[in-house]
């Protein structure tokens, strides 16, 4: 019953910035733990950043200090601000959500491509 739609991906030069958005519908937004994952060609999907229903955040070591995750209850949106982008950040980025009432229920968006040129 949760639908997630990502947007904001594109082609940027190394050192540039990009802001990804995830629109959530079909659930009570405040009852969702959420996060961003990414998958590069030939690589496993990895967690980039997460934000709990209460606003607590965690980041992968590779993006600490460069990426910021946030959420807006009124707009039912989650964001990933990406600064100082590197070619290694090139991947498809996916929005993810879990219900805090049952964390076994997992939802995914279709993904948005981020390409960083050197």
Protein backbone atom coordinates (compact mmCIF):
# COMPACT_ATOMS: atom_id res chain seq x y z
CA UNK A 1 0.00 0.00 0.00
CA UNK A 2 3.07 2.28 -0.14
CA UNK A 3 4.12 3.79 -3.46
CA UNK A 4 7.51 5.48 -3.86
CA UNK A 5 8.63 7.60 -6.82
CA UNK A 6 12.17 8.99 -7.14
CA UNK A 7 13.23 12.03 -9.14
CA UNK A 8 16.15 14.42 -9.48
CA UNK A 9 18.80 12.19 -11.01
CA UNK A 10 20.94 13.28 -13.91
CA UNK A 11 24.44 13.86 -15.27
CA UNK A 12 26.78 16.09 -13.28
CA UNK A 13 30.50 16.81 -13.19
CA UNK A 14 32.71 15.69 -10.33
CA UNK A 15 32.54 18.19 -7.49
CA UNK A 16 28.99 19.18 -8.37
CA UNK A 17 25.75 18.78 -6.44
CA UNK A 18 22.42 17.08 -6.98
CA UNK A 19 19.25 16.72 -4.91
CA UNK A 20 17.16 13.56 -5.12
CA UNK A 21 13.51 13.45 -4.08
CA UNK A 22 11.22 10.59 -3.13
CA UNK A 23 7.45 11.05 -3.05
CA UNK A 24 5.57 8.65 -0.78
CA UNK A 25 1.87 7.83 -0.93
CA UNK A 26 -0.55 5.20 0.32
CA UNK A 27 0.53 5.13 3.97
CA UNK A 28 0.85 7.21 7.11
CA UNK A 29 4.14 8.97 6.41
CA UNK A 30 5.10 9.37 10.06
CA UNK A 31 5.03 5.58 10.52
CA UNK A 32 7.74 4.94 7.92
CA UNK A 33 11.45 4.49 8.40
CA UNK A 34 13.06 5.48 5.11
CA UNK A 35 16.36 5.46 3.28
CA UNK A 36 18.31 5.74 0.06
CA UNK A 37 20.13 2.82 -1.52
CA UNK A 38 22.23 2.72 -4.66
CA UNK A 39 23.42 0.07 -7.09
CA UNK A 40 26.24 0.49 -9.58
CA UNK A 41 26.81 -1.90 -12.50
CA UNK A 42 28.43 -5.10 -11.25
CA UNK A 43 27.98 -4.08 -7.61
CA UNK A 44 25.56 -5.06 -4.86
CA UNK A 45 22.88 -2.66 -3.78
CA UNK A 46 24.12 -0.74 -0.75
CA UNK A 47 22.59 1.51 1.86
CA UNK A 48 23.64 5.13 1.39
CA UNK A 49 21.66 6.91 4.10
CA UNK A 50 18.65 6.29 6.32
CA UNK A 51 16.26 8.38 8.36
CA UNK A 52 13.87 7.03 10.98
CA UNK A 53 10.30 8.10 11.62
CA UNK A 54 11.69 10.14 14.51
CA UNK A 55 14.31 11.90 12.38
CA UNK A 56 17.44 10.00 13.37
CA UNK A 57 19.95 9.62 10.53
CA UNK A 58 22.77 7.29 9.52
CA UNK A 59 25.19 7.42 6.60
CA UNK A 60 27.54 5.09 4.83
CA UNK A 61 31.17 5.98 5.54
CA UNK A 62 31.74 6.75 1.87
CA UNK A 63 29.22 9.62 1.87
CA UNK A 64 29.59 11.10 5.36
CA UNK A 65 30.15 14.83 5.19
CA UNK A 66 28.96 15.00 1.58
CA UNK A 67 25.35 13.74 1.60
CA UNK A 68 22.42 14.85 3.77
CA UNK A 69 19.15 12.96 4.13
CA UNK A 70 15.95 14.70 5.24
CA UNK A 71 12.18 14.31 5.20
CA UNK A 72 9.16 16.62 5.06
CA UNK A 73 5.97 15.32 6.68
CA UNK A 74 3.71 17.96 5.14
CA UNK A 75 4.87 17.22 1.60
CA UNK A 76 5.27 13.47 2.21
CA UNK A 77 8.73 13.70 0.69
CA UNK A 78 12.21 12.40 1.45
CA UNK A 79 15.34 14.04 0.05
CA UNK A 80 19.00 13.29 -0.47
CA UNK A 81 21.23 16.33 -0.93
CA UNK A 82 24.45 15.20 -2.58
CA UNK A 83 27.46 17.53 -2.59
CA UNK A 84 31.05 17.08 -3.75
CA UNK A 85 29.97 14.27 -6.03
CA UNK A 86 32.57 11.77 -7.20
CA UNK A 87 32.58 9.35 -10.16
CA UNK A 88 32.28 6.53 -7.59
CA UNK A 89 28.82 7.88 -6.72
CA UNK A 90 27.53 6.88 -10.17
CA UNK A 91 24.65 4.44 -9.66
CA UNK A 92 20.91 3.99 -9.75
CA UNK A 93 19.53 5.43 -6.52
CA UNK A 94 16.47 3.83 -4.94
CA UNK A 95 14.04 5.12 -2.34
CA UNK A 96 13.16 2.62 0.39
CA UNK A 97 10.58 2.55 3.17
CA UNK A 98 9.64 0.22 6.02
CA UNK A 99 6.64 0.37 8.30
CA UNK A 100 7.74 0.74 11.92
CA UNK A 101 4.78 -1.44 12.90
CA UNK A 102 6.13 -4.33 10.78
CA UNK A 103 9.67 -3.92 9.49
CA UNK A 104 9.38 -7.08 7.41
CA UNK A 105 7.23 -5.08 4.97
CA UNK A 106 9.65 -3.36 2.61
CA UNK A 107 8.88 -0.97 -0.27
CA UNK A 108 11.05 0.24 -3.16
CA UNK A 109 10.81 2.91 -5.83
CA UNK A 110 11.81 2.35 -9.46
CA UNK A 111 15.11 4.21 -9.11
CA UNK A 112 16.71 7.29 -10.63
CA UNK A 113 20.05 7.33 -12.46
CA UNK A 114 22.90 9.48 -11.16
CA UNK A 115 25.98 9.78 -13.37
CA UNK A 116 29.06 11.72 -12.26
CA UNK A 117 31.69 12.49 -14.88
CA UNK A 118 35.35 12.99 -14.03
